[in-house]
Amino acid sequence: MPKSRLRKKSDYTPPTTATVKISSGRSWVAPLMLALFLIGLVWIVTYYVTSGQWPVQSWGNWNILAGFGFIAAGFGVSTQWK
């Protein structure tokens, strides 16, 4: 019985990996988030260190809420980060 011809297999070539550059266009999120965190922290620390004389004396303890408001806004901005 005659032998069938063997097919020559081509050499293995790995699949090409396409470089995917993901640009979300949201490069402003991280700096704004960190800035809001720092503003809130500095606001609260300033209030405590100056015994309520700064940032706004007439607000009294509401300065703490204002500082935490900046921090909360930072967390709100962080939801846009990809």
Protein backbone atom coordinates (compact mmCIF):
# COMPACT_ATOMS: atom_id res chain seq x y z
CA MET A 1 0.00 0.00 0.00
CA PRO A 2 1.47 3.41 -0.92
CA LYS A 3 2.19 5.91 1.80
CA SER A 4 0.31 9.18 1.73
CA ARG A 5 2.31 12.33 1.45
CA LEU A 6 2.95 14.09 4.71
CA ARG A 7 1.90 17.66 4.77
CA LYS A 8 4.50 20.05 5.92
CA LYS A 9 3.14 22.10 8.79
CA SER A 10 4.02 25.74 8.86
CA ASP A 11 6.03 27.01 11.81
CA TYR A 12 4.07 28.31 14.75
CA THR A 13 3.67 32.05 14.81
CA PRO A 14 2.23 33.48 17.97
CA PRO A 15 -0.71 35.82 17.56
CA THR A 16 0.22 39.46 17.36
CA THR A 17 -0.66 41.51 20.38
CA ALA A 18 -2.14 44.83 19.51
CA THR A 19 -1.15 47.59 21.85
CA VAL A 20 -4.31 49.17 23.11
CA LYS A 21 -3.99 52.62 24.57
CA ILE A 22 -6.98 53.39 26.71
CA SER A 23 -7.48 57.08 27.09
CA SER A 24 -10.55 57.86 29.12
CA GLY A 25 -10.08 61.60 28.85
CA ARG A 26 -10.49 61.93 32.59
CA SER A 27 -7.03 62.99 33.60
CA TRP A 28 -8.55 65.74 35.74
CA VAL A 29 -10.19 63.35 38.20
CA ALA A 30 -7.22 62.27 40.30
CA PRO A 31 -5.76 65.76 40.81
CA LEU A 32 -9.17 67.22 41.67
CA MET A 33 -9.94 64.37 44.05
CA LEU A 34 -6.64 64.79 45.89
CA ALA A 35 -7.04 68.56 45.98
CA LEU A 36 -10.49 68.26 47.57
CA PHE A 37 -9.19 65.78 50.14
CA LEU A 38 -6.32 68.10 51.04
CA ILE A 39 -8.51 71.22 51.19
CA GLY A 40 -10.90 69.44 53.55
CA LEU A 41 -8.08 68.17 55.72
CA VAL A 42 -6.36 71.55 55.88
CA TRP A 43 -9.71 73.24 56.66
CA ILE A 44 -10.36 70.97 59.64
CA VAL A 45 -6.78 71.08 60.94
CA THR A 46 -6.69 74.87 60.61
CA TYR A 47 -9.94 75.14 62.54
CA TYR A 48 -8.61 73.02 65.40
CA VAL A 49 -5.12 74.53 65.53
CA THR A 50 -6.41 78.13 65.61
CA SER A 51 -9.10 77.30 68.20
CA GLY A 52 -11.89 78.35 65.87
CA GLN A 53 -10.42 81.69 64.74
CA TRP A 54 -9.83 80.50 61.17
CA PRO A 55 -11.07 79.72 58.40
CA VAL A 56 -14.47 81.35 59.14
CA GLN A 57 -14.90 82.43 62.75
CA SER A 58 -18.62 83.13 62.55
CA TRP A 59 -19.38 79.58 61.40
CA GLY A 60 -18.20 78.04 64.65
CA ASN A 61 -18.37 74.26 64.61
CA TRP A 62 -19.88 74.33 61.11
CA ASN A 63 -16.28 74.64 59.90
CA ILE A 64 -15.88 70.94 60.65
CA LEU A 65 -18.86 70.19 58.44
CA ALA A 66 -17.37 72.37 55.69
CA GLY A 67 -14.09 70.43 55.89
CA PHE A 68 -15.90 67.11 55.74
CA GLY A 69 -17.95 68.49 52.86
CA PHE A 70 -14.76 68.98 50.84
CA ILE A 71 -13.66 65.45 51.72
CA ALA A 72 -17.07 64.05 50.73
CA ALA A 73 -16.86 65.95 47.45
CA GLY A 74 -13.48 64.29 46.89
CA PHE A 75 -15.08 60.90 47.35
CA GLY A 76 -17.85 61.93 44.96
CA VAL A 77 -15.30 62.89 42.32
CA SER A 78 -13.46 59.60 42.87
CA THR A 79 -16.42 57.70 41.40
CA GLN A 80 -15.50 59.17 38.00
CA TRP A 81 -11.97 57.72 38.13
CA LYS A 82 -11.25 54.93 35.65
